[in-house]
Protein backbone atom coordinates (compact mmCIF):
# COMPACT_ATOMS: atom_id res chain seq x y z
CA MET A 1 -0.04 -0.03 0.05
CA GLU A 2 1.35 3.25 -0.98
CA GLU A 3 1.06 6.24 1.31
CA TYR A 4 2.15 8.80 -1.47
CA VAL A 5 1.10 10.20 -4.42
CA SER A 6 3.50 10.78 -7.68
CA ILE A 7 3.77 14.52 -8.74
CA ASN A 8 3.62 14.07 -12.91
CA LEU A 9 2.82 17.44 -13.88
CA ASN A 10 5.49 19.88 -15.13
CA ARG A 11 4.00 22.91 -13.38
CA ASP A 12 4.13 20.98 -9.75
CA PHE A 13 7.84 20.23 -10.50
CA GLN A 14 8.50 23.85 -11.67
CA ARG A 15 6.67 25.22 -8.15
CA ALA A 16 8.92 22.99 -6.20
CA TYR A 17 12.00 24.03 -7.81
CA ALA A 18 10.72 27.85 -7.98
CA LYS A 19 9.34 28.06 -4.27
CA GLY A 20 10.64 25.07 -2.28
CA LYS A 21 13.23 25.04 -0.01
CA SER A 22 16.46 22.95 -1.32
CA PHE A 23 18.95 20.70 0.47
CA VAL A 24 21.86 19.66 -1.28
CA SER A 25 24.55 16.90 -1.14
CA PRO A 26 26.90 15.29 -3.71
CA VAL A 27 24.57 12.64 -4.12
CA LEU A 28 21.19 14.00 -4.36
CA VAL A 29 19.26 17.14 -4.40
CA THR A 30 15.85 17.75 -2.15
CA TYR A 31 12.96 20.31 -2.86
CA VAL A 32 10.62 20.38 -0.27
CA LEU A 33 7.52 22.27 -0.65
CA LYS A 34 4.32 22.59 1.52
CA ASN A 35 1.06 21.62 -0.46
CA ARG A 36 -2.46 22.32 -0.07
CA LYS A 37 -3.50 18.80 -0.87
CA HIS A 38 -2.80 17.39 2.80
CA ALA A 39 -1.02 14.41 1.07
CA LEU A 40 2.54 13.52 0.67
CA ARG A 41 3.58 13.86 -2.96
CA ILE A 42 6.70 12.69 -4.62
CA GLY A 43 8.62 13.43 -7.82
CA ILE A 44 11.87 11.85 -9.02
CA THR A 45 14.06 13.65 -11.74
CA THR A 46 17.13 12.86 -13.36
CA SER A 47 18.82 14.64 -15.84
CA LYS A 48 21.02 13.95 -19.16
CA LYS A 49 24.09 15.05 -17.36
CA THR A 50 23.53 11.98 -14.99
CA GLY A 51 24.43 9.56 -17.85
CA ASN A 52 22.76 7.30 -20.41
CA ALA A 53 19.18 6.09 -19.90
CA VAL A 54 20.26 2.87 -18.06
CA ARG A 55 21.92 5.04 -15.66
CA ARG A 56 19.21 7.51 -15.31
CA ASN A 57 16.66 4.58 -14.77
CA ARG A 58 19.11 3.29 -12.08
CA SER A 59 19.27 6.41 -10.45
CA ARG A 60 15.44 6.61 -10.35
CA ARG A 61 15.35 2.93 -8.88
CA ILE A 62 17.76 3.34 -6.18
CA ILE A 63 15.89 6.83 -5.29
CA ARG A 64 12.61 5.06 -5.15
CA GLU A 65 13.83 2.15 -2.96
CA ALA A 66 15.72 4.22 -0.35
CA PHE A 67 12.41 6.40 -0.11
CA ARG A 68 10.10 3.13 -0.02
CA THR A 69 10.23 2.30 3.65
CA MET A 70 9.89 6.08 4.45
CA PRO A 71 6.52 7.50 4.09
CA ARG A 72 5.46 6.48 7.69
CA GLU A 73 7.96 8.68 9.07
CA ILE A 74 6.94 11.84 6.71
CA LYS A 75 4.58 14.36 7.69
CA SER A 76 1.69 14.70 5.17
CA GLY A 77 1.00 17.71 3.18
CA PHE A 78 4.62 18.29 1.28
CA ASP A 79 5.97 18.02 -2.27
CA LEU A 80 9.49 16.39 -2.33
CA VAL A 81 11.26 16.32 -5.56
CA PHE A 82 14.45 14.31 -5.51
CA VAL A 83 16.91 15.17 -8.28
CA ALA A 84 19.64 12.72 -8.95
CA ARG A 85 23.16 13.97 -9.46
CA ALA A 86 26.29 11.86 -11.33
CA LYS A 87 27.36 9.81 -8.26
CA THR A 88 23.71 8.68 -7.48
CA THR A 89 24.38 5.61 -9.91
CA LYS A 90 27.25 4.60 -7.71
CA MET A 91 25.44 4.44 -4.20
CA LYS A 92 23.46 1.84 -2.49
CA SER A 93 19.96 2.68 -1.76
CA THR A 94 20.77 2.14 2.05
CA ASP A 95 23.60 4.64 1.84
CA LEU A 96 21.26 6.96 -0.09
CA ARG A 97 18.37 6.42 2.61
CA CYS A 98 20.70 7.94 5.15
CA VAL A 99 21.33 10.82 2.97
CA MET A 100 17.59 11.30 2.22
CA MET A 101 16.97 11.18 6.15
CA GLN A 102 19.48 13.70 6.97
CA GLN A 103 17.98 15.94 4.36
CA LEU A 104 14.67 15.52 5.18
CA LYS A 105 15.42 16.09 8.93
CA SER A 106 16.96 19.62 8.07
CA ALA A 107 13.82 20.28 6.23
CA GLY A 108 11.77 19.70 9.28
CA VAL A 109 9.10 17.20 7.75
CA LEU A 110 10.05 13.94 9.53
CA LYS A 111 7.52 13.18 12.23
C-alpha cells in the first residue's frame, strides 16, 4: 500500500524548484514545498548530465527504493522532489537513504 502520490505534472515540479526549499548533497538534491492537498507527494527527476538512459533509470530505482520504507516517518502535506546527480548511480539505496533522512530532517518534515 502506497502512502504517497507521484508528482507527474511539469507545473508541480516547476513550483517545487521555484518556491521550495532545497537541500543539496553530492549524491542527491531534495526540494521540499508545503502543498494544500494534505497528501505526501513525491517526484523523482534525473537529467541527461547523469548519464545514458540505463544510468538515469538506475538512479530513479535507487531513489525510489531508498524512499520506499520512509512514508510512515514523513508528515503529510508536502511535495518532495528528489533530483539525482551523477554520483547517485554509484550509491547503494541504504546509503542514499541515510543522506535522504538527513536532508528531510533538516527540512523538518519528519514526524
